[in-house]
Amino acid sequence: MYAVSFSLLAAQIHADSYGLTLRAPDGTPIKPFLLDTVDVPTINTITSNVTQSNETAFILDPVIAGATIAWQLFQLLTGTYIFNLIYLFAGASPLIISIIAGITILYVFLAINTLIAKIRGV
């Protein structure tokens, strides 16, 4: 799962450098939030919004953006980023969504067991 997650991230970065957008079969763009944020026009827009906004907007926007980036980095580190992409490719079928949820829960459970075993030195 690590290899697939990071391979897809590398494919997204290369596609962005060539001006291509990777898409799921239903047309949903597959692009991490981090690449949208690093865009120079986006940074300029955010900078102008920060200088012209009130205190509430100034606090909430960076917190939400930071939380989204942290969540995607967490998914990459744990190898669960691929399950979001499987969900995009699967569509909205409740049966497929429940299968993906079951696989995700099983994967997270096994990853936690592995982590505990590594910490205990087993």
PDB file of N, CA and C in Angstrom:
ATOM      1  N   MET A   1       0.823  -1.188   0.000  1.00  0.00           N
ATOM      2  CA  MET A   1       0.000   0.000   0.000  1.00  0.00           C
ATOM      3  C   MET A   1       0.875   1.263   0.000  1.00  0.00           C
ATOM      4  N   TYR A   2       2.013   1.188   0.715  1.00  0.00           N
ATOM      5  CA  TYR A   2       2.922   2.338   0.671  1.00  0.00           C
ATOM      6  C   TYR A   2       3.372   2.609  -0.757  1.00  0.00           C
ATOM      7  N   ALA A   3       3.788   1.545  -1.442  1.00  0.00           N
ATOM      8  CA  ALA A   3       4.310   1.697  -2.798  1.00  0.00           C
ATOM      9  C   ALA A   3       3.248   2.255  -3.729  1.00  0.00           C
ATOM     10  N   VAL A   4       2.021   1.764  -3.618  1.00  0.00           N
ATOM     11  CA  VAL A   4       0.951   2.253  -4.493  1.00  0.00           C
ATOM     12  C   VAL A   4       0.620   3.699  -4.169  1.00  0.00           C
ATOM     13  N   SER A   5       0.550   4.045  -2.882  1.00  0.00           N
ATOM     14  CA  SER A   5       0.225   5.416  -2.492  1.00  0.00           C
ATOM     15  C   SER A   5       1.279   6.402  -2.988  1.00  0.00           C
ATOM     16  N   PHE A   6       2.540   6.084  -2.762  1.00  0.00           N
ATOM     17  CA  PHE A   6       3.594   6.999  -3.188  1.00  0.00           C
ATOM     18  C   PHE A   6       3.770   7.002  -4.702  1.00  0.00           C
ATOM     19  N   SER A   7       3.513   5.870  -5.368  1.00  0.00           N
ATOM     20  CA  SER A   7       3.578   5.844  -6.826  1.00  0.00           C
ATOM     21  C   SER A   7       2.507   6.734  -7.430  1.00  0.00           C
ATOM     22  N   LEU A   8       1.309   6.681  -6.854  1.00  0.00           N
ATOM     23  CA  LEU A   8       0.238   7.536  -7.355  1.00  0.00           C
ATOM     24  C   LEU A   8       0.548   9.002  -7.090  1.00  0.00           C
ATOM     25  N   LEU A   9       1.129   9.296  -5.942  1.00  0.00           N
ATOM     26  CA  LEU A   9       1.529  10.676  -5.649  1.00  0.00           C
ATOM     27  C   LEU A   9       2.578  11.143  -6.656  1.00  0.00           C
ATOM     28  N   ALA A  10       3.547  10.283  -6.983  1.00  0.00           N
ATOM     29  CA  ALA A  10       4.559  10.644  -7.982  1.00  0.00           C
ATOM     30  C   ALA A  10       3.921  10.840  -9.345  1.00  0.00           C
ATOM     31  N   ALA A  11       2.963  10.003  -9.700  1.00  0.00           N
ATOM     32  CA  ALA A  11       2.267  10.166 -10.984  1.00  0.00           C
ATOM     33  C   ALA A  11       1.510  11.486 -11.021  1.00  0.00           C
ATOM     34  N   GLN A  12       0.892  11.875  -9.892  1.00  0.00           N
ATOM     35  CA  GLN A  12       0.176  13.144  -9.836  1.00  0.00           C
ATOM     36  C   GLN A  12       1.139  14.314  -9.996  1.00  0.00           C
ATOM     37  N   ILE A  13       2.290  14.232  -9.354  1.00  0.00           N
ATOM     38  CA  ILE A  13       3.264  15.326  -9.446  1.00  0.00           C
ATOM     39  C   ILE A  13       3.775  15.452 -10.879  1.00  0.00           C
ATOM     40  N   HIS A  14       4.066  14.317 -11.526  1.00  0.00           N
ATOM     41  CA  HIS A  14       4.536  14.372 -12.908  1.00  0.00           C
ATOM     42  C   HIS A  14       3.436  14.865 -13.842  1.00  0.00           C
ATOM     43  N   ALA A  15       2.214  14.437 -13.614  1.00  0.00           N
ATOM     44  CA  ALA A  15       1.106  14.902 -14.457  1.00  0.00           C
ATOM     45  C   ALA A  15       0.915  16.406 -14.295  1.00  0.00           C
ATOM     46  N   ASP A  16       1.057  16.914 -13.067  1.00  0.00           N
ATOM     47  CA  ASP A  16       0.916  18.351 -12.840  1.00  0.00           C
ATOM     48  C   ASP A  16       2.019  19.134 -13.522  1.00  0.00           C
ATOM     49  N   SER A  17       3.229  18.581 -13.550  1.00  0.00           N
ATOM     50  CA  SER A  17       4.328  19.298 -14.187  1.00  0.00           C
ATOM     51  C   SER A  17       4.140  19.372 -15.701  1.00  0.00           C
ATOM     52  N   TYR A  18       3.383  18.441 -16.273  1.00  0.00           N
ATOM     53  CA  TYR A  18       3.089  18.486 -17.703  1.00  0.00           C
ATOM     54  C   TYR A  18       1.751  19.148 -18.003  1.00  0.00           C
ATOM     55  N   GLY A  19       1.064  19.646 -16.985  1.00  0.00           N
ATOM     56  CA  GLY A  19      -0.211  20.322 -17.184  1.00  0.00           C
ATOM     57  C   GLY A  19      -1.375  19.373 -17.369  1.00  0.00           C
ATOM     58  N   LEU A  20      -1.231  18.112 -16.962  1.00  0.00           N
ATOM     59  CA  LEU A  20      -2.304  17.130 -17.082  1.00  0.00           C
ATOM     60  C   LEU A  20      -2.996  16.955 -15.738  1.00  0.00           C
ATOM     61  N   THR A  21      -4.251  16.586 -15.788  1.00  0.00           N
ATOM     62  CA  THR A  21      -4.995  16.311 -14.562  1.00  0.00           C
ATOM     63  C   THR A  21      -5.439  14.865 -14.592  1.00  0.00           C
ATOM     64  N   LEU A  22      -5.002  14.072 -13.615  1.00  0.00           N
ATOM     65  CA  LEU A  22      -5.463  12.692 -13.511  1.00  0.00           C
ATOM     66  C   LEU A  22      -6.912  12.704 -13.052  1.00  0.00           C
ATOM     67  N   ARG A  23      -7.725  11.848 -13.667  1.00  0.00           N
ATOM     68  CA  ARG A  23      -9.156  11.820 -13.346  1.00  0.00           C
ATOM     69  C   ARG A  23      -9.617  10.390 -13.092  1.00  0.00           C
ATOM     70  N   ALA A  24     -10.609  10.269 -12.207  1.00  0.00           N
ATOM     71  CA  ALA A  24     -11.274   8.991 -11.986  1.00  0.00           C
ATOM     72  C   ALA A  24     -12.201   8.732 -13.177  1.00  0.00           C
ATOM     73  N   PRO A  25     -12.709   7.511 -13.327  1.00  0.00           N
ATOM     74  CA  PRO A  25     -13.586   7.229 -14.461  1.00  0.00           C
ATOM     75  C   PRO A  25     -14.832   8.117 -14.540  1.00  0.00           C
ATOM     76  N   ASP A  26     -15.306   8.621 -13.407  1.00  0.00           N
ATOM     77  CA  ASP A  26     -16.486   9.494 -13.442  1.00  0.00           C
ATOM     78  C   ASP A  26     -16.132  10.955 -13.706  1.00  0.00           C
ATOM     79  N   GLY A  27     -14.847  11.266 -13.918  1.00  0.00           N
ATOM     80  CA  GLY A  27     -14.431  12.629 -14.250  1.00  0.00           C
ATOM     81  C   GLY A  27     -13.947  13.449 -13.074  1.00  0.00           C
ATOM     82  N   THR A  28     -13.956  12.883 -11.867  1.00  0.00           N
ATOM     83  CA  THR A  28     -13.485  13.598 -10.684  1.00  0.00           C
ATOM     84  C   THR A  28     -11.969  13.749 -10.745  1.00  0.00           C
ATOM     85  N   PRO A  29     -11.454  14.992 -10.637  1.00  0.00           N
ATOM     86  CA  PRO A  29      -9.999  15.146 -10.671  1.00  0.00           C
ATOM     87  C   PRO A  29      -9.346  14.542  -9.429  1.00  0.00           C
ATOM     88  N   ILE A  30      -8.240  13.835  -9.644  1.00  0.00           N
ATOM     89  CA  ILE A  30      -7.482  13.243  -8.548  1.00  0.00           C
ATOM     90  C   ILE A  30      -6.238  14.096  -8.388  1.00  0.00           C
ATOM     91  N   LYS A  31      -6.267  14.955  -7.381  1.00  0.00           N
ATOM     92  CA  LYS A  31      -5.155  15.875  -7.179  1.00  0.00           C
ATOM     93  C   LYS A  31      -5.087  16.187  -5.684  1.00  0.00           C
ATOM     94  N   PRO A  32      -3.946  15.986  -5.047  1.00  0.00           N
ATOM     95  CA  PRO A  32      -3.881  16.260  -3.620  1.00  0.00           C
ATOM     96  C   PRO A  32      -3.990  17.754  -3.324  1.00  0.00           C
ATOM     97  N   PHE A  33      -4.515  18.047  -2.160  1.00  0.00           N
ATOM     98  CA  PHE A  33      -4.720  19.427  -1.737  1.00  0.00           C
ATOM     99  C   PHE A  33      -3.404  20.183  -1.655  1.00  0.00           C
ATOM    100  N   LEU A  34      -2.341  19.477  -1.326  1.00  0.00           N
ATOM    101  CA  LEU A  34      -1.030  20.112  -1.195  1.00  0.00           C
ATOM    102  C   LEU A  34      -0.598  20.766  -2.504  1.00  0.00           C
ATOM    103  N   LEU A  35      -0.808  20.096  -3.639  1.00  0.00           N
ATOM    104  CA  LEU A  35      -0.406  20.663  -4.924  1.00  0.00           C
ATOM    105  C   LEU A  35      -1.246  21.879  -5.287  1.00  0.00           C
ATOM    106  N   ASP A  36      -2.530  21.884  -4.879  1.00  0.00           N
ATOM    107  CA  ASP A  36      -3.358  23.071  -5.107  1.00  0.00           C
ATOM    108  C   ASP A  36      -2.853  24.248  -4.281  1.00  0.00           C
ATOM    109  N   THR A  37      -2.427  23.993  -3.058  1.00  0.00           N
ATOM    110  CA  THR A  37      -1.992  25.056  -2.169  1.00  0.00           C
ATOM    111  C   THR A  37      -0.664  25.649  -2.605  1.00  0.00           C
ATOM    112  N   VAL A  38       0.228  24.819  -3.149  1.00  0.00           N
ATOM    113  CA  VAL A  38       1.552  25.294  -3.529  1.00  0.00           C
ATOM    114  C   VAL A  38       1.496  26.137  -4.803  1.00  0.00           C
ATOM    115  N   ASP A  39       0.405  26.075  -5.539  1.00  0.00           N
ATOM    116  CA  ASP A  39       0.244  26.878  -6.750  1.00  0.00           C
ATOM    117  C   ASP A  39       0.466  28.358  -6.435  1.00  0.00           C
ATOM    118  N   VAL A  40       1.305  29.037  -7.218  1.00  0.00           N
ATOM    119  CA  VAL A  40       1.634  30.440  -6.942  1.00  0.00           C
ATOM    120  C   VAL A  40       0.397  31.343  -7.015  1.00  0.00           C
ATOM    121  N   PRO A  41      -0.479  31.213  -8.015  1.00  0.00           N
ATOM    122  CA  PRO A  41      -1.683  32.067  -8.004  1.00  0.00           C
ATOM    123  C   PRO A  41      -2.543  31.855  -6.763  1.00  0.00           C
ATOM    124  N   THR A  42      -2.605  30.607  -6.301  1.00  0.00           N
ATOM    125  CA  THR A  42      -3.379  30.332  -5.088  1.00  0.00           C
ATOM    126  C   THR A  42      -2.737  31.000  -3.878  1.00  0.00           C
ATOM    127  N   ILE A  43      -1.412  30.947  -3.784  1.00  0.00           N
ATOM    128  CA  ILE A  43      -0.715  31.594  -2.669  1.00  0.00           C
ATOM    129  C   ILE A  43      -0.957  33.098  -2.704  1.00  0.00           C
ATOM    130  N   ASN A  44      -0.907  33.695  -3.901  1.00  0.00           N
ATOM    131  CA  ASN A  44      -1.169  35.132  -4.016  1.00  0.00           C
ATOM    132  C   ASN A  44      -2.596  35.475  -3.610  1.00  0.00           C
ATOM    133  N   THR A  45      -3.553  34.644  -3.999  1.00  0.00           N
ATOM    134  CA  THR A  45      -4.942  34.873  -3.621  1.00  0.00           C
ATOM    135  C   THR A  45      -5.121  34.763  -2.114  1.00  0.00           C
ATOM    136  N   ILE A  46      -4.518  33.739  -1.515  1.00  0.00           N
ATOM    137  CA  ILE A  46      -4.628  33.559  -0.060  1.00  0.00           C
ATOM    138  C   ILE A  46      -3.978  34.729   0.669  1.00  0.00           C
ATOM    139  N   THR A  47      -2.836  35.181   0.170  1.00  0.00           N
ATOM    140  CA  THR A  47      -2.153  36.317   0.799  1.00  0.00           C
ATOM    141  C   THR A  47      -3.014  37.561   0.758  1.00  0.00           C
ATOM    142  N   SER A  48      -3.645  37.823  -0.386  1.00  0.00           N
ATOM    143  CA  SER A  48      -4.510  39.002  -0.472  1.00  0.00           C
ATOM    144  C   SER A  48      -5.745  38.840   0.405  1.00  0.00           C
ATOM    145  N   ASN A  49      -6.267  37.615   0.516  1.00  0.00           N
ATOM    146  CA  ASN A  49      -7.422  37.382   1.394  1.00  0.00           C
ATOM    147  C   ASN A  49      -7.055  37.593   2.856  1.00  0.00           C
ATOM    148  N   VAL A  50      -5.857  37.174   3.245  1.00  0.00           N
ATOM    149  CA  VAL A  50      -5.433  37.324   4.639  1.00  0.00           C
ATOM    150  C   VAL A  50      -5.271  38.793   4.989  1.00  0.00           C
ATOM    151  N   THR A  51      -4.710  39.560   4.080  1.00  0.00           N
ATOM    152  CA  THR A  51      -4.495  40.983   4.389  1.00  0.00           C
ATOM    153  C   THR A  51      -5.794  41.774   4.381  1.00  0.00           C
ATOM    154  N   GLN A  52      -6.851  41.245   3.758  1.00  0.00           N
ATOM    155  CA  GLN A  52      -8.110  41.985   3.668  1.00  0.00           C
ATOM    156  C   GLN A  52      -9.241  41.301   4.421  1.00  0.00           C
ATOM    157  N   SER A  53      -8.939  40.396   5.340  1.00  0.00           N
ATOM    158  CA  SER A  53      -9.997  39.659   6.016  1.00  0.00           C
ATOM    159  C   SER A  53     -10.046  40.004   7.494  1.00  0.00           C
ATOM    160  N   ASN A  54     -11.124  39.527   8.123  1.00  0.00           N
ATOM    161  CA  ASN A  54     -11.254  39.732   9.566  1.00  0.00           C
ATOM    162  C   ASN A  54     -10.542  38.611  10.318  1.00  0.00           C
ATOM    163  N   GLU A  55     -10.526  38.691  11.626  1.00  0.00           N
ATOM    164  CA  GLU A  55      -9.749  37.747  12.436  1.00  0.00           C
ATOM    165  C   GLU A  55     -10.285  36.325  12.334  1.00  0.00           C
ATOM    166  N   THR A  56     -11.603  36.124  12.259  1.00  0.00           N
ATOM    167  CA  THR A  56     -12.182  34.784  12.198  1.00  0.00           C
ATOM    168  C   THR A  56     -11.750  34.063  10.927  1.00  0.00           C
ATOM    169  N   ALA A  57     -11.841  34.726   9.789  1.00  0.00           N
ATOM    170  CA  ALA A  57     -11.434  34.106   8.528  1.00  0.00           C
ATOM    171  C   ALA A  57      -9.930  33.832   8.536  1.00  0.00           C
ATOM    172  N   PHE A  58      -9.173  34.701   9.152  1.00  0.00           N
ATOM    173  CA  PHE A  58      -7.719  34.528   9.206  1.00  0.00           C
ATOM    174  C   PHE A  58      -7.351  33.283  10.003  1.00  0.00           C
ATOM    175  N   ILE A  59      -8.110  32.999  11.053  1.00  0.00           N
ATOM    176  CA  ILE A  59      -7.802  31.846  11.893  1.00  0.00           C
ATOM    177  C   ILE A  59      -8.322  30.556  11.258  1.00  0.00           C
ATOM    178  N   LEU A  60      -9.536  30.545  10.709  1.00  0.00           N
ATOM    179  CA  LEU A  60     -10.146  29.317  10.225  1.00  0.00           C
ATOM    180  C   LEU A  60      -9.535  28.804   8.921  1.00  0.00           C
ATOM    181  N   ASP A  61      -9.264  29.671   7.973  1.00  0.00           N
ATOM    182  CA  ASP A  61      -8.757  29.200   6.677  1.00  0.00           C
ATOM    183  C   ASP A  61      -7.423  28.472   6.799  1.00  0.00           C
ATOM    184  N   PRO A  62      -6.417  29.032   7.478  1.00  0.00           N
ATOM    185  CA  PRO A  62      -5.159  28.283   7.608  1.00  0.00           C
ATOM    186  C   PRO A  62      -5.304  27.000   8.421  1.00  0.00           C
ATOM    187  N   VAL A  63      -6.181  27.005   9.411  1.00  0.00           N
ATOM    188  CA  VAL A  63      -6.373  25.805  10.223  1.00  0.00           C
ATOM    189  C   VAL A  63      -6.982  24.694   9.376  1.00  0.00           C
ATOM    190  N   ILE A  64      -7.992  25.020   8.576  1.00  0.00           N
ATOM    191  CA  ILE A  64      -8.624  24.019   7.722  1.00  0.00           C
ATOM    192  C   ILE A  64      -7.635  23.530   6.667  1.00  0.00           C
ATOM    193  N   ALA A  65      -6.890  24.441   6.065  1.00  0.00           N
ATOM    194  CA  ALA A  65      -5.904  24.051   5.052  1.00  0.00           C
ATOM    195  C   ALA A  65      -4.821  23.180   5.677  1.00  0.00           C
ATOM    196  N   GLY A  66      -4.334  23.563   6.849  1.00  0.00           N
ATOM    197  CA  GLY A  66      -3.305  22.777   7.527  1.00  0.00           C
ATOM    198  C   GLY A  66      -3.817  21.400   7.936  1.00  0.00           C
ATOM    199  N   ALA A  67      -5.051  21.340   8.407  1.00  0.00           N
ATOM    200  CA  ALA A  67      -5.625  20.050   8.803  1.00  0.00           C
ATOM    201  C   ALA A  67      -5.792  19.133   7.598  1.00  0.00           C
ATOM    202  N   THR A  68      -6.179  19.696   6.458  1.00  0.00           N
ATOM    203  CA  THR A  68      -6.342  18.886   5.255  1.00  0.00           C
ATOM    204  C   THR A  68      -5.000  18.341   4.783  1.00  0.00           C
ATOM    205  N   ILE A  69      -3.977  19.178   4.799  1.00  0.00           N
ATOM    206  CA  ILE A  69      -2.640  18.723   4.406  1.00  0.00           C
ATOM    207  C   ILE A  69      -2.131  17.671   5.393  1.00  0.00           C
ATOM    208  N   ALA A  70      -2.331  17.885   6.679  1.00  0.00           N
ATOM    209  CA  ALA A  70      -1.888  16.920   7.689  1.00  0.00           C
ATOM    210  C   ALA A  70      -2.614  15.584   7.513  1.00  0.00           C
ATOM    211  N   TRP A  71      -3.900  15.625   7.190  1.00  0.00           N
ATOM    212  CA  TRP A  71      -4.666  14.393   6.987  1.00  0.00           C
ATOM    213  C   TRP A  71      -4.130  13.613   5.790  1.00  0.00           C
ATOM    214  N   GLN A  72      -3.825  14.318   4.688  1.00  0.00           N
ATOM    215  CA  GLN A  72      -3.292  13.615   3.521  1.00  0.00           C
ATOM    216  C   GLN A  72      -1.898  13.065   3.783  1.00  0.00           C
ATOM    217  N   LEU A  73      -1.075  13.796   4.520  1.00  0.00           N
ATOM    218  CA  LEU A  73       0.248  13.272   4.874  1.00  0.00           C
ATOM    219  C   LEU A  73       0.132  12.047   5.779  1.00  0.00           C
ATOM    220  N   PHE A  74      -0.818  12.081   6.715  1.00  0.00           N
ATOM    221  CA  PHE A  74      -1.065  10.928   7.585  1.00  0.00           C
ATOM    222  C   PHE A  74      -1.498   9.719   6.756  1.00  0.00           C
ATOM    223  N   GLN A  75      -2.379   9.949   5.770  1.00  0.00           N
ATOM    224  CA  GLN A  75      -2.821   8.849   4.924  1.00  0.00           C
ATOM    225  C   GLN A  75      -1.669   8.283   4.099  1.00  0.00           C
ATOM    226  N   LEU A  76      -0.783   9.143   3.630  1.00  0.00           N
ATOM    227  CA  LEU A  76       0.384   8.649   2.890  1.00  0.00           C
ATOM    228  C   LEU A  76       1.308   7.839   3.780  1.00  0.00           C
ATOM    229  N   LEU A  77       1.548   8.311   4.996  1.00  0.00           N
ATOM    230  CA  LEU A  77       2.449   7.607   5.904  1.00  0.00           C
ATOM    231  C   LEU A  77       1.893   6.259   6.355  1.00  0.00           C
ATOM    232  N   THR A  78       0.577   6.161   6.508  1.00  0.00           N
ATOM    233  CA  THR A  78      -0.021   4.899   6.947  1.00  0.00           C
ATOM    234  C   THR A  78      -0.382   3.985   5.789  1.00  0.00           C
ATOM    235  N   GLY A  79      -0.290   4.483   4.553  1.00  0.00           N
ATOM    236  CA  GLY A  79      -0.613   3.661   3.398  1.00  0.00           C
ATOM    237  C   GLY A  79      -2.093   3.592   3.088  1.00  0.00           C
ATOM    238  N   THR A  80      -2.917   4.419   3.730  1.00  0.00           N
ATOM    239  CA  THR A  80      -4.362   4.375   3.503  1.00  0.00           C
ATOM    240  C   THR A  80      -4.830   5.358   2.435  1.00  0.00           C
ATOM    241  N   TYR A  81      -3.911   6.129   1.842  1.00  0.00           N
ATOM    242  CA  TYR A  81      -4.284   7.085   0.793  1.00  0.00           C
ATOM    243  C   TYR A  81      -4.891   6.371  -0.409  1.00  0.00           C
ATOM    244  N   ILE A  82      -4.448   5.157  -0.679  1.00  0.00           N
ATOM    245  CA  ILE A  82      -4.931   4.405  -1.831  1.00  0.00           C
ATOM    246  C   ILE A  82      -6.420   4.089  -1.702  1.00  0.00           C
ATOM    247  N   PHE A  83      -6.929   3.955  -0.476  1.00  0.00           N
ATOM    248  CA  PHE A  83      -8.335   3.623  -0.305  1.00  0.00           C
ATOM    249  C   PHE A  83      -9.246   4.772  -0.742  1.00  0.00           C
ATOM    250  N   ASN A  84      -8.791   6.022  -0.616  1.00  0.00           N
ATOM    251  CA  ASN A  84      -9.557   7.149  -1.156  1.00  0.00           C
ATOM    252  C   ASN A  84      -9.662   7.039  -2.672  1.00  0.00           C
ATOM    253  N   LEU A  85      -8.572   6.645  -3.301  1.00  0.00           N
ATOM    254  CA  LEU A  85      -8.579   6.534  -4.761  1.00  0.00           C
ATOM    255  C   LEU A  85      -9.423   5.355  -5.216  1.00  0.00           C
ATOM    256  N   ILE A  86      -9.389   4.261  -4.469  1.00  0.00           N
ATOM    257  CA  ILE A  86     -10.259   3.126  -4.800  1.00  0.00           C
ATOM    258  C   ILE A  86     -11.712   3.567  -4.698  1.00  0.00           C
ATOM    259  N   TYR A  87     -12.037   4.373  -3.698  1.00  0.00           N
ATOM    260  CA  TYR A  87     -13.395   4.894  -3.547  1.00  0.00           C
ATOM    261  C   TYR A  87     -13.784   5.749  -4.752  1.00  0.00           C
ATOM    262  N   LEU A  88     -12.863   6.601  -5.229  1.00  0.00           N
ATOM    263  CA  LEU A  88     -13.167   7.426  -6.397  1.00  0.00           C
ATOM    264  C   LEU A  88     -13.419   6.574  -7.636  1.00  0.00           C
ATOM    265  N   PHE A  89     -12.626   5.516  -7.814  1.00  0.00           N
ATOM    266  CA  PHE A  89     -12.781   4.668  -8.981  1.00  0.00           C
ATOM    267  C   PHE A  89     -13.990   3.747  -8.868  1.00  0.00           C
ATOM    268  N   ALA A  90     -14.424   3.440  -7.657  1.00  0.00           N
ATOM    269  CA  ALA A  90     -15.512   2.490  -7.459  1.00  0.00           C
ATOM    270  C   ALA A  90     -16.877   3.105  -7.741  1.00  0.00           C
ATOM    271  N   GLY A  91     -17.024   4.391  -7.545  1.00  0.00           N
ATOM    272  CA  GLY A  91     -18.337   4.999  -7.723  1.00  0.00           C
ATOM    273  C   GLY A  91     -19.118   5.023  -6.428  1.00  0.00           C
ATOM    274  N   ALA A  92     -20.433   5.170  -6.536  1.00  0.00           N
ATOM    275  CA  ALA A  92     -21.266   5.358  -5.347  1.00  0.00           C
ATOM    276  C   ALA A  92     -22.076   4.119  -4.988  1.00  0.00           C
ATOM    277  N   SER A  93     -21.683   2.949  -5.441  1.00  0.00           N
ATOM    278  CA  SER A  93     -22.411   1.731  -5.123  1.00  0.00           C
ATOM    279  C   SER A  93     -22.228   1.394  -3.643  1.00  0.00           C
ATOM    280  N   PRO A  94     -23.343   1.225  -2.908  1.00  0.00           N
ATOM    281  CA  PRO A  94     -23.226   0.921  -1.468  1.00  0.00           C
ATOM    282  C   PRO A  94     -22.477  -0.389  -1.200  1.00  0.00           C
ATOM    283  N   LEU A  95     -22.639  -1.383  -2.077  1.00  0.00           N
ATOM    284  CA  LEU A  95     -21.948  -2.647  -1.883  1.00  0.00           C
ATOM    285  C   LEU A  95     -20.438  -2.465  -1.997  1.00  0.00           C
ATOM    286  N   ILE A  96     -20.006  -1.744  -3.014  1.00  0.00           N
ATOM    287  CA  ILE A  96     -18.568  -1.530  -3.204  1.00  0.00           C
ATOM    288  C   ILE A  96     -18.008  -0.664  -2.075  1.00  0.00           C
ATOM    289  N   ILE A  97     -18.766   0.343  -1.644  1.00  0.00           N
ATOM    290  CA  ILE A  97     -18.315   1.195  -0.545  1.00  0.00           C
ATOM    291  C   ILE A  97     -18.159   0.373   0.733  1.00  0.00           C
ATOM    292  N   SER A  98     -19.086  -0.546   0.991  1.00  0.00           N
ATOM    293  CA  SER A  98     -18.969  -1.368   2.199  1.00  0.00           C
ATOM    294  C   SER A  98     -17.778  -2.323   2.096  1.00  0.00           C
ATOM    295  N   ILE A  99     -17.478  -2.828   0.898  1.00  0.00           N
ATOM    296  CA  ILE A  99     -16.303  -3.690   0.726  1.00  0.00           C
ATOM    297  C   ILE A  99     -15.026  -2.891   0.974  1.00  0.00           C
ATOM    298  N   ILE A 100     -14.980  -1.661   0.430  1.00  0.00           N
ATOM    299  CA  ILE A 100     -13.807  -0.806   0.638  1.00  0.00           C
ATOM    300  C   ILE A 100     -13.652  -0.477   2.123  1.00  0.00           C
ATOM    301  N   ALA A 101     -14.762  -0.196   2.801  1.00  0.00           N
ATOM    302  CA  ALA A 101     -14.703   0.098   4.238  1.00  0.00           C
ATOM    303  C   ALA A 101     -14.187  -1.115   5.006  1.00  0.00           C
ATOM    304  N   GLY A 102     -14.644  -2.302   4.649  1.00  0.00           N
ATOM    305  CA  GLY A 102     -14.169  -3.515   5.319  1.00  0.00           C
ATOM    306  C   GLY A 102     -12.686  -3.745   5.108  1.00  0.00           C
ATOM    307  N   ILE A 103     -12.219  -3.558   3.882  1.00  0.00           N
ATOM    308  CA  ILE A 103     -10.792  -3.730   3.591  1.00  0.00           C
ATOM    309  C   ILE A 103      -9.980  -2.688   4.356  1.00  0.00           C
ATOM    310  N   THR A 104     -10.478  -1.459   4.405  1.00  0.00           N
ATOM    311  CA  THR A 104      -9.766  -0.393   5.114  1.00  0.00           C
ATOM    312  C   THR A 104      -9.661  -0.701   6.603  1.00  0.00           C
ATOM    313  N   ILE A 105     -10.745  -1.138   7.199  1.00  0.00           N
ATOM    314  CA  ILE A 105     -10.739  -1.469   8.629  1.00  0.00           C
ATOM    315  C   ILE A 105      -9.774  -2.615   8.901  1.00  0.00           C
ATOM    316  N   LEU A 106      -9.798  -3.636   8.049  1.00  0.00           N
ATOM    317  CA  LEU A 106      -8.883  -4.761   8.211  1.00  0.00           C
ATOM    318  C   LEU A 106      -7.433  -4.306   8.068  1.00  0.00           C
ATOM    319  N   TYR A 107      -7.158  -3.458   7.077  1.00  0.00           N
ATOM    320  CA  TYR A 107      -5.795  -2.960   6.868  1.00  0.00           C
ATOM    321  C   TYR A 107      -5.317  -2.154   8.070  1.00  0.00           C
ATOM    322  N   VAL A 108      -6.168  -1.262   8.579  1.00  0.00           N
ATOM    323  CA  VAL A 108      -5.780  -0.432   9.729  1.00  0.00           C
ATOM    324  C   VAL A 108      -5.549  -1.312  10.948  1.00  0.00           C
ATOM    325  N   PHE A 109      -6.406  -2.313  11.161  1.00  0.00           N
ATOM    326  CA  PHE A 109      -6.230  -3.231  12.292  1.00  0.00           C
ATOM    327  C   PHE A 109      -4.894  -3.966  12.194  1.00  0.00           C
ATOM    328  N   LEU A 110      -4.560  -4.486  11.011  1.00  0.00           N
ATOM    329  CA  LEU A 110      -3.296  -5.198  10.837  1.00  0.00           C
ATOM    330  C   LEU A 110      -2.100  -4.253  10.964  1.00  0.00           C
ATOM    331  N   ALA A 111      -2.243  -3.011  10.493  1.00  0.00           N
ATOM    332  CA  ALA A 111      -1.154  -2.036  10.631  1.00  0.00           C
ATOM    333  C   ALA A 111      -0.914  -1.707  12.105  1.00  0.00           C
ATOM    334  N   ILE A 112      -1.990  -1.583  12.890  1.00  0.00           N
ATOM    335  CA  ILE A 112      -1.849  -1.306  14.325  1.00  0.00           C
ATOM    336  C   ILE A 112      -1.186  -2.501  15.022  1.00  0.00           C
ATOM    337  N   ASN A 113      -1.602  -3.735  14.670  1.00  0.00           N
ATOM    338  CA  ASN A 113      -0.959  -4.926  15.257  1.00  0.00           C
ATOM    339  C   ASN A 113       0.519  -4.976  14.925  1.00  0.00           C
ATOM    340  N   THR A 114       0.869  -4.645  13.689  1.00  0.00           N
ATOM    341  CA  THR A 114       2.273  -4.636  13.298  1.00  0.00           C
ATOM    342  C   THR A 114       3.048  -3.592  14.079  1.00  0.00           C
ATOM    343  N   LEU A 115       2.475  -2.421  14.263  1.00  0.00           N
ATOM    344  CA  LEU A 115       3.122  -1.356  15.018  1.00  0.00           C
ATOM    345  C   LEU A 115       3.353  -1.782  16.464  1.00  0.00           C
ATOM    346  N   ILE A 116       2.349  -2.378  17.063  1.00  0.00           N
ATOM    347  CA  ILE A 116       2.487  -2.848  18.447  1.00  0.00           C
ATOM    348  C   ILE A 116       3.572  -3.920  18.545  1.00  0.00           C
ATOM    349  N   ALA A 117       3.611  -4.828  17.584  1.00  0.00           N
ATOM    350  CA  ALA A 117       4.645  -5.884  17.586  1.00  0.00           C
ATOM    351  C   ALA A 117       6.028  -5.294  17.422  1.00  0.00           C
ATOM    352  N   LYS A 118       6.162  -4.285  16.559  1.00  0.00           N
ATOM    353  CA  LYS A 118       7.469  -3.639  16.373  1.00  0.00           C
ATOM    354  C   LYS A 118       7.914  -2.935  17.652  1.00  0.00           C
ATOM    355  N   ILE A 119       6.986  -2.281  18.333  1.00  0.00           N
ATOM    356  CA  ILE A 119       7.324  -1.574  19.567  1.00  0.00           C
ATOM    357  C   ILE A 119       7.739  -2.573  20.653  1.00  0.00           C
ATOM    358  N   ARG A 120       7.033  -3.704  20.733  1.00  0.00           N
ATOM    359  CA  ARG A 120       7.362  -4.715  21.739  1.00  0.00           C
ATOM    360  C   ARG A 120       8.608  -5.516  21.384  1.00  0.00           C
ATOM    361  N   GLY A 121       9.063  -5.425  20.147  1.00  0.00           N
ATOM    362  CA  GLY A 121      10.251  -6.151  19.734  1.00  0.00           C
ATOM    363  C   GLY A 121      10.005  -7.600  19.389  1.00  0.00           C
ATOM    364  N   VAL A 122       8.795  -7.911  18.998  1.00  0.00           N
ATOM    365  CA  VAL A 122       8.444  -9.309  18.655  1.00  0.00           C
ATOM    366  C   VAL A 122       8.943  -9.640  17.267  1.00  0.00           C
TER     367      VAL A 122
END
